[in-house]
Amino acid sequence: MTTVITVGLIGALLMFCGDMTLYFDKDDYVQDGTINPIIDIMKKLPPKRVMLGGLIGPVAAFLYCIGFYHIVLITDEAFHNAAFAAFLLSCFGIIAGGAYHSHCAYLGLLGADEHRDGLDIAMKYFQKLALILYAGEGLGLLILIVLIALGKTVFPQWMALISPGVLFLLKPLSRKLPKGLHMVICGGYTNFIFIVYYAVAIMQTLL
């Protein structure tokens, strides 16, 4: 179990590094509710850096999928069907997430004004991937929250409060962080919350 969770942690760390490779900027960015500030950063970066950041996505998603199997391993046998459904839904979501991450590179490579038509097409496709990502992982992580909260896993029930699905709800707070910290935490938030969850999960399995 610890090995599977560790692989998930590595996947989260790798995807987080992919985020920072794609669009980390020491000058940070101003949140306006759209992805445009991120595009403005990426279009100024070296194309090879943007492509590397995008390529990390599918590899990290593969490791995430292995990590998600911990949901089955931690759950009481009587609830394995629900746990397996959570595992499959989470995998479905993160596979779209890996593609989302990979295609994010297009937004930087096509970010210049002379490529506006291509950028608009990529944006429409990109938004559809986001819907699949959040629908799949949202349902999978909701099941995980319920299983932990009801005491149907080996984890203590309080761990439901630091499960990724609950921590995701705190994202608006990350937008209020000071410059620099905002770039790192808010910019990589969806992976940062998995890093927190998996790190605590590993400590729980070692107790």
C-alpha atoms as a PDB file:
ATOM      1  CA  MET A   1       0.000   0.000   0.000  1.00  0.00           C
ATOM      2  CA  THR A   2       2.759   2.450   0.955  1.00  0.00           C
ATOM      3  CA  THR A   3       4.504   1.792  -2.371  1.00  0.00           C
ATOM      4  CA  VAL A   4       1.365   2.575  -4.377  1.00  0.00           C
ATOM      5  CA  ILE A   5       0.754   5.783  -2.414  1.00  0.00           C
ATOM      6  CA  THR A   6       4.400   6.776  -2.907  1.00  0.00           C
ATOM      7  CA  VAL A   7       4.046   6.339  -6.669  1.00  0.00           C
ATOM      8  CA  GLY A   8       0.997   8.613  -6.500  1.00  0.00           C
ATOM      9  CA  LEU A   9       3.058  11.186  -4.576  1.00  0.00           C
ATOM     10  CA  ILE A  10       5.779  11.042  -7.234  1.00  0.00           C
ATOM     11  CA  GLY A  11       3.115  11.559  -9.913  1.00  0.00           C
ATOM     12  CA  ALA A  12       1.753  14.606  -8.086  1.00  0.00           C
ATOM     13  CA  LEU A  13       5.242  16.054  -7.600  1.00  0.00           C
ATOM     14  CA  LEU A  14       6.087  15.445 -11.255  1.00  0.00           C
ATOM     15  CA  MET A  15       2.868  17.085 -12.493  1.00  0.00           C
ATOM     16  CA  PHE A  16       3.520  20.008 -10.150  1.00  0.00           C
ATOM     17  CA  CYS A  17       7.011  20.361 -11.655  1.00  0.00           C
ATOM     18  CA  GLY A  18       5.332  20.271 -15.059  1.00  0.00           C
ATOM     19  CA  ASP A  19       3.121  23.186 -14.025  1.00  0.00           C
ATOM     20  CA  MET A  20       6.135  25.207 -12.955  1.00  0.00           C
ATOM     21  CA  THR A  21       8.048  24.310 -16.128  1.00  0.00           C
ATOM     22  CA  LEU A  22       5.107  25.461 -18.243  1.00  0.00           C
ATOM     23  CA  TYR A  23       4.477  28.823 -16.652  1.00  0.00           C
ATOM     24  CA  PHE A  24       6.505  29.654 -13.541  1.00  0.00           C
ATOM     25  CA  ASP A  25       7.451  33.335 -13.563  1.00  0.00           C
ATOM     26  CA  LYS A  26       9.240  35.113 -10.695  1.00  0.00           C
ATOM     27  CA  ASP A  27       7.068  38.158 -11.425  1.00  0.00           C
ATOM     28  CA  ASP A  28       3.955  36.049 -10.785  1.00  0.00           C
ATOM     29  CA  TYR A  29       0.652  36.811 -12.551  1.00  0.00           C
ATOM     30  CA  VAL A  30      -2.575  38.646 -11.821  1.00  0.00           C
ATOM     31  CA  GLN A  31      -5.614  36.368 -11.525  1.00  0.00           C
ATOM     32  CA  ASP A  32      -8.497  37.516 -13.751  1.00  0.00           C
ATOM     33  CA  GLY A  33     -10.631  34.353 -13.832  1.00  0.00           C
ATOM     34  CA  THR A  34      -9.257  33.225 -17.197  1.00  0.00           C
ATOM     35  CA  ILE A  35      -6.192  31.374 -18.430  1.00  0.00           C
ATOM     36  CA  ASN A  36      -5.005  34.428 -20.373  1.00  0.00           C
ATOM     37  CA  PRO A  37      -2.415  35.540 -17.744  1.00  0.00           C
ATOM     38  CA  ILE A  38      -0.840  32.067 -17.973  1.00  0.00           C
ATOM     39  CA  ILE A  39      -0.788  32.266 -21.779  1.00  0.00           C
ATOM     40  CA  ASP A  40       0.905  35.659 -21.540  1.00  0.00           C
ATOM     41  CA  ILE A  41       3.684  34.035 -19.489  1.00  0.00           C
ATOM     42  CA  MET A  42       4.096  30.945 -21.676  1.00  0.00           C
ATOM     43  CA  LYS A  43       4.277  32.790 -24.982  1.00  0.00           C
ATOM     44  CA  LYS A  44       7.402  34.589 -23.746  1.00  0.00           C
ATOM     45  CA  LEU A  45       9.169  31.397 -22.671  1.00  0.00           C
ATOM     46  CA  PRO A  46      11.565  29.299 -24.808  1.00  0.00           C
ATOM     47  CA  PRO A  47       9.506  26.821 -26.898  1.00  0.00           C
ATOM     48  CA  LYS A  48      11.583  23.862 -25.676  1.00  0.00           C
ATOM     49  CA  ARG A  49      10.767  24.696 -22.062  1.00  0.00           C
ATOM     50  CA  VAL A  50       7.045  24.884 -22.854  1.00  0.00           C
ATOM     51  CA  MET A  51       7.176  21.590 -24.763  1.00  0.00           C
ATOM     52  CA  LEU A  52       9.017  19.869 -21.895  1.00  0.00           C
ATOM     53  CA  GLY A  53       6.395  21.111 -19.446  1.00  0.00           C
ATOM     54  CA  GLY A  54       3.651  19.709 -21.645  1.00  0.00           C
ATOM     55  CA  LEU A  55       5.330  16.332 -22.137  1.00  0.00           C
ATOM     56  CA  ILE A  56       5.532  15.791 -18.389  1.00  0.00           C
ATOM     57  CA  GLY A  57       1.713  15.582 -18.239  1.00  0.00           C
ATOM     58  CA  PRO A  58       1.098  12.090 -19.689  1.00  0.00           C
ATOM     59  CA  VAL A  59       3.983  10.564 -17.694  1.00  0.00           C
ATOM     60  CA  ALA A  60       2.740  12.084 -14.443  1.00  0.00           C
ATOM     61  CA  ALA A  61      -0.832  10.984 -15.226  1.00  0.00           C
ATOM     62  CA  PHE A  62       0.366   7.373 -15.565  1.00  0.00           C
ATOM     63  CA  LEU A  63       1.956   7.548 -12.109  1.00  0.00           C
ATOM     64  CA  TYR A  64      -1.184   9.197 -10.744  1.00  0.00           C
ATOM     65  CA  CYS A  65      -3.253   6.242 -11.992  1.00  0.00           C
ATOM     66  CA  ILE A  66      -1.049   3.805 -10.103  1.00  0.00           C
ATOM     67  CA  GLY A  67      -1.378   5.980  -7.012  1.00  0.00           C
ATOM     68  CA  PHE A  68      -5.161   6.061  -7.282  1.00  0.00           C
ATOM     69  CA  TYR A  69      -5.252   2.299  -6.749  1.00  0.00           C
ATOM     70  CA  HIS A  70      -4.592   3.010  -3.081  1.00  0.00           C
ATOM     71  CA  ILE A  71      -8.307   3.830  -2.822  1.00  0.00           C
ATOM     72  CA  VAL A  72      -9.063   0.132  -3.320  1.00  0.00           C
ATOM     73  CA  LEU A  73      -6.266  -1.005  -1.012  1.00  0.00           C
ATOM     74  CA  ILE A  74      -7.313   1.180   1.933  1.00  0.00           C
ATOM     75  CA  THR A  75     -11.044   0.374   1.750  1.00  0.00           C
ATOM     76  CA  ASP A  76     -12.895  -2.313   3.682  1.00  0.00           C
ATOM     77  CA  GLU A  77     -13.644  -5.340   1.514  1.00  0.00           C
ATOM     78  CA  ALA A  78     -17.413  -4.830   1.792  1.00  0.00           C
ATOM     79  CA  PHE A  79     -17.033  -1.479   0.004  1.00  0.00           C
ATOM     80  CA  HIS A  80     -14.553  -2.533  -2.686  1.00  0.00           C
ATOM     81  CA  ASN A  81     -17.077  -1.922  -5.483  1.00  0.00           C
ATOM     82  CA  ALA A  82     -17.422   1.730  -4.469  1.00  0.00           C
ATOM     83  CA  ALA A  83     -13.659   2.028  -4.036  1.00  0.00           C
ATOM     84  CA  PHE A  84     -13.032   0.489  -7.461  1.00  0.00           C
ATOM     85  CA  ALA A  85     -15.518   2.915  -9.010  1.00  0.00           C
ATOM     86  CA  ALA A  86     -13.651   5.802  -7.333  1.00  0.00           C
ATOM     87  CA  PHE A  87     -10.367   4.425  -8.691  1.00  0.00           C
ATOM     88  CA  LEU A  88     -11.683   4.155 -12.271  1.00  0.00           C
ATOM     89  CA  LEU A  89     -13.349   7.582 -12.223  1.00  0.00           C
ATOM     90  CA  SER A  90     -10.192   9.192 -10.843  1.00  0.00           C
ATOM     91  CA  CYS A  91      -8.084   7.485 -13.527  1.00  0.00           C
ATOM     92  CA  PHE A  92     -10.524   8.641 -16.202  1.00  0.00           C
ATOM     93  CA  GLY A  93     -10.207  12.198 -14.933  1.00  0.00           C
ATOM     94  CA  ILE A  94      -6.417  12.245 -14.624  1.00  0.00           C
ATOM     95  CA  ILE A  95      -5.932  10.719 -18.084  1.00  0.00           C
ATOM     96  CA  ALA A  96      -7.841  13.721 -19.422  1.00  0.00           C
ATOM     97  CA  GLY A  97      -5.742  15.810 -17.038  1.00  0.00           C
ATOM     98  CA  GLY A  98      -2.522  14.498 -18.560  1.00  0.00           C
ATOM     99  CA  ALA A  99      -3.820  15.409 -22.010  1.00  0.00           C
ATOM    100  CA  TYR A 100      -4.944  18.797 -20.632  1.00  0.00           C
ATOM    101  CA  HIS A 101      -1.432  19.368 -19.331  1.00  0.00           C
ATOM    102  CA  SER A 102       0.138  18.289 -22.615  1.00  0.00           C
ATOM    103  CA  HIS A 103      -2.142  20.473 -24.735  1.00  0.00           C
ATOM    104  CA  CYS A 104      -1.483  23.422 -22.426  1.00  0.00           C
ATOM    105  CA  ALA A 105       1.801  23.740 -24.304  1.00  0.00           C
ATOM    106  CA  TYR A 106      -0.145  24.709 -27.433  1.00  0.00           C
ATOM    107  CA  LEU A 107      -1.494  27.766 -25.650  1.00  0.00           C
ATOM    108  CA  GLY A 108       2.033  29.010 -25.137  1.00  0.00           C
ATOM    109  CA  LEU A 109       3.345  28.011 -28.554  1.00  0.00           C
ATOM    110  CA  LEU A 110       0.359  29.648 -30.272  1.00  0.00           C
ATOM    111  CA  GLY A 111       0.125  32.556 -27.841  1.00  0.00           C
ATOM    112  CA  ALA A 112       1.423  35.209 -30.200  1.00  0.00           C
ATOM    113  CA  ASP A 113      -1.207  37.456 -31.814  1.00  0.00           C
ATOM    114  CA  GLU A 114      -0.410  36.229 -35.330  1.00  0.00           C
ATOM    115  CA  HIS A 115      -1.580  32.750 -34.278  1.00  0.00           C
ATOM    116  CA  ARG A 116      -4.874  33.949 -32.782  1.00  0.00           C
ATOM    117  CA  ASP A 117      -7.093  31.704 -34.933  1.00  0.00           C
ATOM    118  CA  GLY A 118      -5.133  28.605 -33.994  1.00  0.00           C
ATOM    119  CA  LEU A 119      -5.125  29.650 -30.347  1.00  0.00           C
ATOM    120  CA  ASP A 120      -8.917  30.072 -30.317  1.00  0.00           C
ATOM    121  CA  ILE A 121      -9.382  26.554 -31.740  1.00  0.00           C
ATOM    122  CA  ALA A 122      -6.956  25.093 -29.191  1.00  0.00           C
ATOM    123  CA  MET A 123      -8.774  26.918 -26.373  1.00  0.00           C
ATOM    124  CA  LYS A 124     -12.134  25.364 -27.294  1.00  0.00           C
ATOM    125  CA  TYR A 125     -10.613  21.875 -27.282  1.00  0.00           C
ATOM    126  CA  PHE A 126      -8.699  22.626 -24.087  1.00  0.00           C
ATOM    127  CA  GLN A 127     -11.888  23.584 -22.251  1.00  0.00           C
ATOM    128  CA  LYS A 128     -13.536  20.256 -23.139  1.00  0.00           C
ATOM    129  CA  LEU A 129     -10.619  18.367 -21.615  1.00  0.00           C
ATOM    130  CA  ALA A 130     -11.050  20.371 -18.415  1.00  0.00           C
ATOM    131  CA  LEU A 131     -14.681  19.273 -18.156  1.00  0.00           C
ATOM    132  CA  ILE A 132     -13.696  15.602 -18.417  1.00  0.00           C
ATOM    133  CA  LEU A 133     -10.910  16.099 -15.880  1.00  0.00           C
ATOM    134  CA  TYR A 134     -13.096  17.730 -13.236  1.00  0.00           C
ATOM    135  CA  ALA A 135     -16.094  15.452 -13.830  1.00  0.00           C
ATOM    136  CA  GLY A 136     -14.078  12.235 -13.518  1.00  0.00           C
ATOM    137  CA  GLU A 137     -11.869  13.227 -10.628  1.00  0.00           C
ATOM    138  CA  GLY A 138     -14.682  15.110  -8.933  1.00  0.00           C
ATOM    139  CA  LEU A 139     -16.866  12.011  -8.702  1.00  0.00           C
ATOM    140  CA  GLY A 140     -13.977   9.730  -7.794  1.00  0.00           C
ATOM    141  CA  LEU A 141     -12.732  12.004  -5.042  1.00  0.00           C
ATOM    142  CA  LEU A 142     -16.248  12.506  -3.697  1.00  0.00           C
ATOM    143  CA  ILE A 143     -16.536   8.752  -3.190  1.00  0.00           C
ATOM    144  CA  LEU A 144     -13.137   8.775  -1.465  1.00  0.00           C
ATOM    145  CA  ILE A 145     -14.306  11.516   0.920  1.00  0.00           C
ATOM    146  CA  VAL A 146     -17.425   9.524   1.827  1.00  0.00           C
ATOM    147  CA  LEU A 147     -15.487   6.286   2.374  1.00  0.00           C
ATOM    148  CA  ILE A 148     -12.968   7.956   4.695  1.00  0.00           C
ATOM    149  CA  ALA A 149     -15.579  10.042   6.534  1.00  0.00           C
ATOM    150  CA  LEU A 150     -17.728   6.968   7.205  1.00  0.00           C
ATOM    151  CA  GLY A 151     -14.769   5.053   8.602  1.00  0.00           C
ATOM    152  CA  LYS A 152     -14.718   2.502   5.782  1.00  0.00           C
ATOM    153  CA  THR A 153     -10.973   2.800   5.176  1.00  0.00           C
ATOM    154  CA  VAL A 154      -7.820   2.184   7.181  1.00  0.00           C
ATOM    155  CA  PHE A 155      -7.353   5.953   7.492  1.00  0.00           C
ATOM    156  CA  PRO A 156      -8.700   7.909  10.480  1.00  0.00           C
ATOM    157  CA  GLN A 157     -11.906   9.758   9.649  1.00  0.00           C
ATOM    158  CA  TRP A 158     -10.305  13.196  10.086  1.00  0.00           C
ATOM    159  CA  MET A 159      -8.297  12.506   6.923  1.00  0.00           C
ATOM    160  CA  ALA A 160     -11.459  13.223   4.939  1.00  0.00           C
ATOM    161  CA  LEU A 161     -10.754  16.884   5.732  1.00  0.00           C
ATOM    162  CA  ILE A 162      -7.419  16.813   3.905  1.00  0.00           C
ATOM    163  CA  SER A 163      -8.558  14.656   1.015  1.00  0.00           C
ATOM    164  CA  PRO A 164      -7.969  16.321  -2.366  1.00  0.00           C
ATOM    165  CA  GLY A 165     -11.673  16.867  -2.968  1.00  0.00           C
ATOM    166  CA  VAL A 166     -12.050  18.911   0.222  1.00  0.00           C
ATOM    167  CA  LEU A 167      -8.766  20.802  -0.187  1.00  0.00           C
ATOM    168  CA  PHE A 168      -9.796  21.770  -3.713  1.00  0.00           C
ATOM    169  CA  LEU A 169     -12.626  23.822  -2.215  1.00  0.00           C
ATOM    170  CA  LEU A 170     -10.006  26.023  -0.553  1.00  0.00           C
ATOM    171  CA  LYS A 171      -8.485  27.121  -3.866  1.00  0.00           C
ATOM    172  CA  PRO A 172     -10.021  30.642  -3.683  1.00  0.00           C
ATOM    173  CA  LEU A 173      -7.885  31.224  -0.567  1.00  0.00           C
ATOM    174  CA  SER A 174      -4.720  30.415  -2.534  1.00  0.00           C
ATOM    175  CA  ARG A 175      -5.489  33.342  -4.834  1.00  0.00           C
ATOM    176  CA  LYS A 176      -4.974  35.699  -1.898  1.00  0.00           C
ATOM    177  CA  LEU A 177      -1.426  34.539  -1.194  1.00  0.00           C
ATOM    178  CA  PRO A 178       1.421  37.051  -1.542  1.00  0.00           C
ATOM    179  CA  LYS A 179       3.427  37.365  -4.745  1.00  0.00           C
ATOM    180  CA  GLY A 180       5.764  34.450  -5.337  1.00  0.00           C
ATOM    181  CA  LEU A 181       3.945  32.069  -3.015  1.00  0.00           C
ATOM    182  CA  HIS A 182       0.830  32.706  -5.104  1.00  0.00           C
ATOM    183  CA  MET A 183       2.679  31.674  -8.270  1.00  0.00           C
ATOM    184  CA  VAL A 184       3.800  28.371  -6.760  1.00  0.00           C
ATOM    185  CA  ILE A 185       0.759  27.355  -4.686  1.00  0.00           C
ATOM    186  CA  CYS A 186      -2.088  28.751  -6.769  1.00  0.00           C
ATOM    187  CA  GLY A 187      -0.312  28.013 -10.056  1.00  0.00           C
ATOM    188  CA  GLY A 188       0.072  24.347  -9.175  1.00  0.00           C
ATOM    189  CA  TYR A 189      -2.855  24.010  -6.766  1.00  0.00           C
ATOM    190  CA  THR A 190      -4.561  20.923  -8.205  1.00  0.00           C
ATOM    191  CA  ASN A 191      -1.332  18.958  -7.787  1.00  0.00           C
ATOM    192  CA  PHE A 192      -0.247  20.647  -4.560  1.00  0.00           C
ATOM    193  CA  ILE A 193      -3.328  19.298  -2.760  1.00  0.00           C
ATOM    194  CA  PHE A 194      -2.464  15.748  -3.835  1.00  0.00           C
ATOM    195  CA  ILE A 195       1.089  16.221  -2.565  1.00  0.00           C
ATOM    196  CA  VAL A 196      -0.318  17.187   0.853  1.00  0.00           C
ATOM    197  CA  TYR A 197      -2.793  14.289   0.886  1.00  0.00           C
ATOM    198  CA  TYR A 198      -0.307  11.639  -0.234  1.00  0.00           C
ATOM    199  CA  ALA A 199       2.374  12.849   2.193  1.00  0.00           C
ATOM    200  CA  VAL A 200      -0.042  12.531   5.134  1.00  0.00           C
ATOM    201  CA  ALA A 201      -1.317   9.180   3.803  1.00  0.00           C
ATOM    202  CA  ILE A 202       2.228   7.792   3.733  1.00  0.00           C
ATOM    203  CA  MET A 203       2.803   8.903   7.318  1.00  0.00           C
ATOM    204  CA  GLN A 204      -0.452   7.180   8.341  1.00  0.00           C
ATOM    205  CA  THR A 205       0.578   3.895   6.729  1.00  0.00           C
ATOM    206  CA  LEU A 206       3.901   3.992   8.576  1.00  0.00           C
ATOM    207  CA  LEU A 207       2.364   4.529  12.028  1.00  0.00           C
END
